[in-house]
Structures are given as C-alpha cells and as structure tokens.
N, C-alpha and C. Protein backbone atom coordinates (compact mmCIF):
# COMPACT_ATOMS: atom_id res chain seq x y z
N MET A 1 -15.58 -5.55 -8.96
CA MET A 1 -15.26 -6.24 -7.99
C MET A 1 -16.45 -7.41 -7.95
N SER A 2 -16.10 -8.66 -7.70
CA SER A 2 -17.13 -9.91 -7.60
C SER A 2 -17.71 -9.91 -6.21
N ALA A 3 -18.98 -10.40 -6.10
CA ALA A 3 -19.58 -10.52 -4.92
C ALA A 3 -18.65 -11.36 -4.00
N GLY A 4 -18.55 -10.89 -2.88
CA GLY A 4 -17.71 -11.63 -1.76
C GLY A 4 -16.20 -11.79 -2.07
N GLY A 5 -15.86 -10.89 -3.15
CA GLY A 5 -14.27 -10.70 -3.36
C GLY A 5 -13.71 -9.57 -2.74
N ALA A 6 -12.36 -9.65 -2.51
CA ALA A 6 -11.58 -8.58 -1.90
C ALA A 6 -11.08 -7.59 -2.98
N ASP A 7 -11.21 -6.29 -2.76
CA ASP A 7 -10.45 -5.39 -3.57
C ASP A 7 -9.05 -5.37 -3.46
N ARG A 8 -8.36 -5.80 -4.41
CA ARG A 8 -6.87 -6.09 -4.31
C ARG A 8 -6.06 -4.74 -4.06
N THR A 9 -6.40 -3.71 -4.76
CA THR A 9 -5.85 -2.41 -4.44
C THR A 9 -6.10 -1.99 -2.98
N SER A 10 -7.07 -2.00 -2.30
CA SER A 10 -7.57 -1.68 -0.94
C SER A 10 -6.57 -2.55 -0.07
N LEU A 11 -6.45 -3.91 -0.41
CA LEU A 11 -5.81 -4.75 0.47
C LEU A 11 -4.33 -4.55 0.41
N VAL A 12 -3.68 -4.35 -0.75
CA VAL A 12 -2.28 -4.03 -0.71
C VAL A 12 -2.11 -2.62 -0.18
N GLY A 13 -2.99 -1.72 -0.42
CA GLY A 13 -2.74 -0.46 0.20
C GLY A 13 -2.70 -0.48 1.75
N GLY A 14 -3.77 -1.26 2.28
CA GLY A 14 -3.88 -1.37 3.51
C GLY A 14 -2.57 -2.11 4.23
N ILE A 15 -2.06 -3.13 3.67
CA ILE A 15 -0.93 -3.81 4.00
C ILE A 15 0.13 -2.69 4.08
N ALA A 16 0.30 -2.16 3.13
CA ALA A 16 1.36 -1.07 3.02
C ALA A 16 1.49 -0.11 4.15
N VAL A 17 0.27 0.38 4.34
CA VAL A 17 0.11 1.37 5.37
C VAL A 17 0.45 0.86 6.78
N LEU A 18 -0.06 -0.38 6.96
CA LEU A 18 0.18 -0.99 8.33
C LEU A 18 1.78 -1.29 8.56
N LEU A 19 2.19 -1.81 7.51
CA LEU A 19 3.77 -1.90 7.60
C LEU A 19 4.57 -0.52 7.82
N LEU A 20 4.25 0.39 6.98
CA LEU A 20 4.69 1.74 7.18
C LEU A 20 4.59 2.35 8.67
N GLY A 21 3.26 1.93 9.21
CA GLY A 21 3.04 2.51 10.55
C GLY A 21 3.77 1.80 11.53
N ALA A 22 4.15 0.49 11.35
CA ALA A 22 4.99 -0.33 12.30
C ALA A 22 6.36 -0.02 12.14
N LEU A 23 6.76 0.40 10.97
CA LEU A 23 8.19 0.89 10.90
C LEU A 23 8.39 2.17 11.65
N LEU A 24 7.30 3.11 11.53
CA LEU A 24 7.42 4.37 12.36
C LEU A 24 7.39 4.10 13.67
N CYS A 25 6.63 3.29 14.14
CA CYS A 25 6.51 2.94 15.65
C CYS A 25 7.77 2.34 16.22
N LEU A 26 8.36 1.73 15.32
CA LEU A 26 9.78 1.10 15.88
C LEU A 26 10.76 2.32 15.97
N ASP A 27 10.55 3.30 15.16
CA ASP A 27 11.58 4.39 15.30
C ASP A 27 11.02 5.22 16.40
N GLN A 28 9.95 5.48 16.75
CA GLN A 28 9.51 6.13 17.80
C GLN A 28 9.83 5.55 19.17
N LEU A 29 10.06 4.07 19.19
CA LEU A 29 10.54 3.37 20.64
C LEU A 29 12.00 3.07 20.52
N ASP A 30 12.55 3.85 19.72
CA ASP A 30 13.89 3.87 19.59
C ASP A 30 14.55 2.46 19.19
N ALA A 31 13.87 1.47 18.79
CA ALA A 31 14.17 0.14 18.39
C ALA A 31 15.04 0.21 17.27
N ILE A 32 14.75 1.04 16.35
CA ILE A 32 15.69 1.25 14.99
C ILE A 32 15.69 2.77 14.77
N SER A 33 16.59 3.23 13.97
CA SER A 33 16.90 4.53 13.67
C SER A 33 16.48 4.87 12.25
N ILE A 34 15.54 5.84 11.84
CA ILE A 34 15.24 5.94 10.54
C ILE A 34 15.59 7.31 10.19
N SER A 35 16.42 7.38 9.12
CA SER A 35 16.71 8.86 8.56
C SER A 35 15.56 9.19 7.61
N ALA A 36 15.69 10.62 7.32
CA ALA A 36 14.57 11.11 6.50
C ALA A 36 14.56 10.49 5.06
N GLY A 37 15.73 10.35 4.69
CA GLY A 37 15.65 9.61 3.29
C GLY A 37 15.03 8.24 3.37
N LEU A 38 15.29 7.58 4.43
CA LEU A 38 14.72 6.16 4.44
C LEU A 38 13.30 6.19 4.44
N ALA A 39 12.88 7.30 5.31
CA ALA A 39 11.47 7.42 5.71
C ALA A 39 10.75 7.79 4.20
N ALA A 40 11.48 8.63 3.50
CA ALA A 40 10.67 9.10 2.16
C ALA A 40 10.78 7.76 1.16
N ALA A 41 11.83 7.03 1.16
CA ALA A 41 11.84 5.72 0.42
C ALA A 41 10.82 4.87 0.82
N ALA A 42 10.51 4.72 2.24
CA ALA A 42 9.37 3.77 2.63
C ALA A 42 8.03 4.24 2.10
N ILE A 43 7.81 5.65 2.28
CA ILE A 43 6.55 6.01 1.75
C ILE A 43 6.38 6.00 0.53
N CYS A 44 7.38 6.21 -0.44
CA CYS A 44 7.31 5.96 -1.83
C CYS A 44 7.05 4.58 -2.26
N ALA A 45 7.64 3.64 -1.45
CA ALA A 45 7.31 2.28 -1.68
C ALA A 45 6.00 1.78 -1.41
N ALA A 46 5.34 2.29 -0.36
CA ALA A 46 4.10 2.03 0.03
C ALA A 46 3.05 2.56 -1.13
N ALA A 47 3.30 3.85 -1.54
CA ALA A 47 2.52 4.25 -2.52
C ALA A 47 2.53 3.56 -3.90
N GLY A 48 3.85 3.21 -4.14
CA GLY A 48 4.11 2.50 -5.30
C GLY A 48 3.42 1.19 -5.52
N SER A 49 3.45 0.33 -4.37
CA SER A 49 2.82 -0.93 -4.29
C SER A 49 1.31 -0.80 -4.34
N ALA A 50 0.78 0.16 -3.93
CA ALA A 50 -0.75 0.25 -4.05
C ALA A 50 -0.98 0.72 -5.64
N LEU A 51 -0.01 1.51 -6.25
CA LEU A 51 -0.33 1.74 -7.79
C LEU A 51 -0.12 0.43 -8.51
N VAL A 52 0.78 -0.38 -8.21
CA VAL A 52 1.13 -1.47 -9.10
C VAL A 52 0.09 -2.36 -8.97
N ALA A 53 -0.50 -2.54 -7.80
CA ALA A 53 -1.68 -3.39 -7.59
C ALA A 53 -3.13 -2.75 -8.26
N SER A 54 -3.05 -1.51 -8.35
CA SER A 54 -4.23 -1.01 -9.10
C SER A 54 -4.05 -1.39 -10.56
N GLY A 55 -2.80 -1.26 -11.10
CA GLY A 55 -2.55 -1.41 -12.50
C GLY A 55 -2.59 -3.11 -12.84
N LEU A 56 -2.56 -3.82 -11.89
CA LEU A 56 -2.73 -5.17 -12.26
C LEU A 56 -4.12 -5.77 -12.15
N SER A 57 -5.05 -5.02 -11.35
CA SER A 57 -6.34 -5.57 -11.30
C SER A 57 -7.11 -5.37 -12.49
N PRO A 58 -7.94 -6.39 -12.84
CA PRO A 58 -8.66 -6.19 -14.03
C PRO A 58 -9.74 -5.11 -13.99
N GLU A 59 -10.14 -4.50 -15.27
CA GLU A 59 -11.02 -3.34 -15.29
C GLU A 59 -12.41 -4.13 -15.33
N PRO A 60 -13.32 -3.51 -14.71
CA PRO A 60 -14.72 -3.98 -14.83
C PRO A 60 -15.17 -3.82 -16.25
N GLU A 61 -16.08 -4.70 -16.57
CA GLU A 61 -16.58 -4.59 -18.01
C GLU A 61 -17.48 -3.55 -18.18
N ARG A 62 -17.43 -2.85 -19.32
CA ARG A 62 -18.42 -1.73 -19.59
C ARG A 62 -19.59 -2.34 -20.68
N GLU A 63 -20.56 -1.83 -20.39
CA GLU A 63 -21.86 -2.01 -21.37
C GLU A 63 -21.60 -0.85 -22.38
N ASP A 64 -21.46 -0.97 -23.59
CA ASP A 64 -21.68 0.18 -24.55
C ASP A 64 -23.13 0.10 -25.11
N GLY A 65 -23.73 1.26 -25.02
CA GLY A 65 -24.96 1.17 -25.27
C GLY A 65 -25.38 2.48 -26.15
C-alpha cells in the first residue's frame, strides 16, 4: 500500500458489508421480503466481491536477499 493510498480490498469489502447491512435492515423494516436463498446469495456476492478486489490488487514488491 502506498503512502496516503486506500487499500482496495478493505474499501470494496466495507462497501459490500454496508450494502448487505442495508439490505437486511430493509428486510427487518418489512420494506422488502428476502428469502433464505436470496440472503445466502447476497452474502456470497459480498464475500466474492472482496475476493475479486483482493485478486486485482497488485502485490507488494519483495526484496530477495
């Protein structure tokens, strides 16, 4: 991670958790109805987005010594 830069994996994971929480809050308020299958798919999508962001971020340089 560069000085002053954002960690892409943490940013994407945080946004995914925020959106998942908003979805579950809407379900508790009876604004929408979420089945167990849809909840499981949303959780897998949140985890998958963090994994994809992790795979796309560049690896730090190693010093072989």
